[in-house]
Amino acid sequence: MKLIKTTRTKLLLISVALPAQYCGVSEIVKQVAKLANPIRPRVVVGGSAVKLGLIPPIRGADLMAGISLLS
């Protein structure tokens, strides 16, 4: 969170390879959501677990099957 605050990151990309990573990523998204609006980046989650539909939606994050969908 400190790095996000100091760099003013606009987009945070997280790759999830395994369904077991869901809880950890969900916690990161919750922490990011606590940041003030001008500092809070958009969170995008992708990776194999998203492509294969192995994880449910994460509130506060956009799930994307491919990075090309960002355009």
Protein backbone atom coordinates (compact mmCIF):
# COMPACT_ATOMS: atom_id res chain seq x y z
CA MET A 1 0.00 0.00 0.00
CA LYS A 2 2.88 2.35 0.74
CA LEU A 3 4.25 1.94 -2.79
CA ILE A 4 0.83 2.61 -4.31
CA LYS A 5 0.52 5.79 -2.24
CA THR A 6 3.97 7.10 -3.14
CA THR A 7 3.87 6.27 -6.87
CA ARG A 8 0.20 7.17 -7.40
CA THR A 9 -0.28 4.00 -9.42
CA LYS A 10 -3.34 4.28 -11.65
CA LEU A 11 -3.68 0.60 -12.53
CA LEU A 12 -2.79 -2.45 -10.45
CA LEU A 13 -2.60 -5.71 -12.42
CA ILE A 14 -2.65 -8.99 -10.50
CA SER A 15 -2.17 -12.41 -12.08
CA VAL A 16 -3.81 -15.42 -10.45
CA ALA A 17 -2.58 -18.82 -11.57
CA LEU A 18 -4.29 -21.02 -8.96
CA PRO A 19 -7.71 -20.90 -7.28
CA ALA A 20 -5.89 -21.16 -3.93
CA GLN A 21 -4.58 -17.62 -4.51
CA TYR A 22 -8.12 -16.18 -4.46
CA CYS A 23 -8.17 -15.35 -0.74
CA GLY A 24 -4.84 -13.53 -0.85
CA VAL A 25 -5.80 -11.51 -3.90
CA SER A 26 -9.19 -10.72 -2.41
CA GLU A 27 -7.44 -9.35 0.69
CA ILE A 28 -5.16 -7.16 -1.44
CA VAL A 29 -8.20 -5.76 -3.25
CA LYS A 30 -9.88 -5.00 0.11
CA GLN A 31 -6.79 -3.09 1.28
CA VAL A 32 -6.61 -1.12 -1.97
CA ALA A 33 -10.31 -0.24 -1.63
CA LYS A 34 -9.53 1.48 1.69
CA LEU A 35 -7.30 4.02 -0.05
CA ALA A 36 -8.69 7.49 -0.73
CA ASN A 37 -10.22 7.95 -4.17
CA PRO A 38 -7.50 10.09 -5.77
CA ILE A 39 -4.87 7.56 -4.68
CA ARG A 40 -6.82 4.31 -5.20
CA PRO A 41 -5.86 2.56 -8.46
CA ARG A 42 -8.12 0.45 -10.62
CA VAL A 43 -7.48 -3.23 -9.85
CA VAL A 44 -7.51 -5.73 -12.69
CA VAL A 45 -7.14 -9.46 -12.01
CA GLY A 46 -6.21 -11.88 -14.75
CA GLY A 47 -4.23 -15.06 -15.24
CA SER A 48 -4.98 -18.73 -15.75
CA ALA A 49 -7.50 -19.00 -12.92
CA VAL A 50 -9.53 -16.17 -14.46
CA LYS A 51 -9.25 -17.49 -18.03
CA LEU A 52 -10.48 -20.90 -16.94
CA GLY A 53 -13.27 -19.51 -14.74
CA LEU A 54 -11.81 -21.08 -11.60
CA ILE A 55 -12.34 -18.09 -9.30
CA PRO A 56 -15.48 -16.09 -8.52
CA PRO A 57 -15.70 -12.33 -9.01
CA ILE A 58 -13.77 -10.16 -6.56
CA ARG A 59 -15.64 -7.11 -5.32
CA GLY A 60 -13.62 -4.01 -6.18
CA ALA A 61 -11.66 -5.63 -9.01
CA ASP A 62 -12.24 -6.23 -12.69
CA LEU A 63 -11.57 -9.81 -13.81
CA MET A 64 -10.16 -10.01 -17.33
CA ALA A 65 -9.31 -13.11 -19.30
CA GLY A 66 -6.67 -11.28 -21.34
CA ILE A 67 -4.65 -8.09 -21.04
CA SER A 68 -5.71 -7.09 -24.56
CA LEU A 69 -9.16 -6.38 -23.10
CA LEU A 70 -7.72 -3.31 -21.33
CA SER A 71 -7.69 -1.21 -24.49
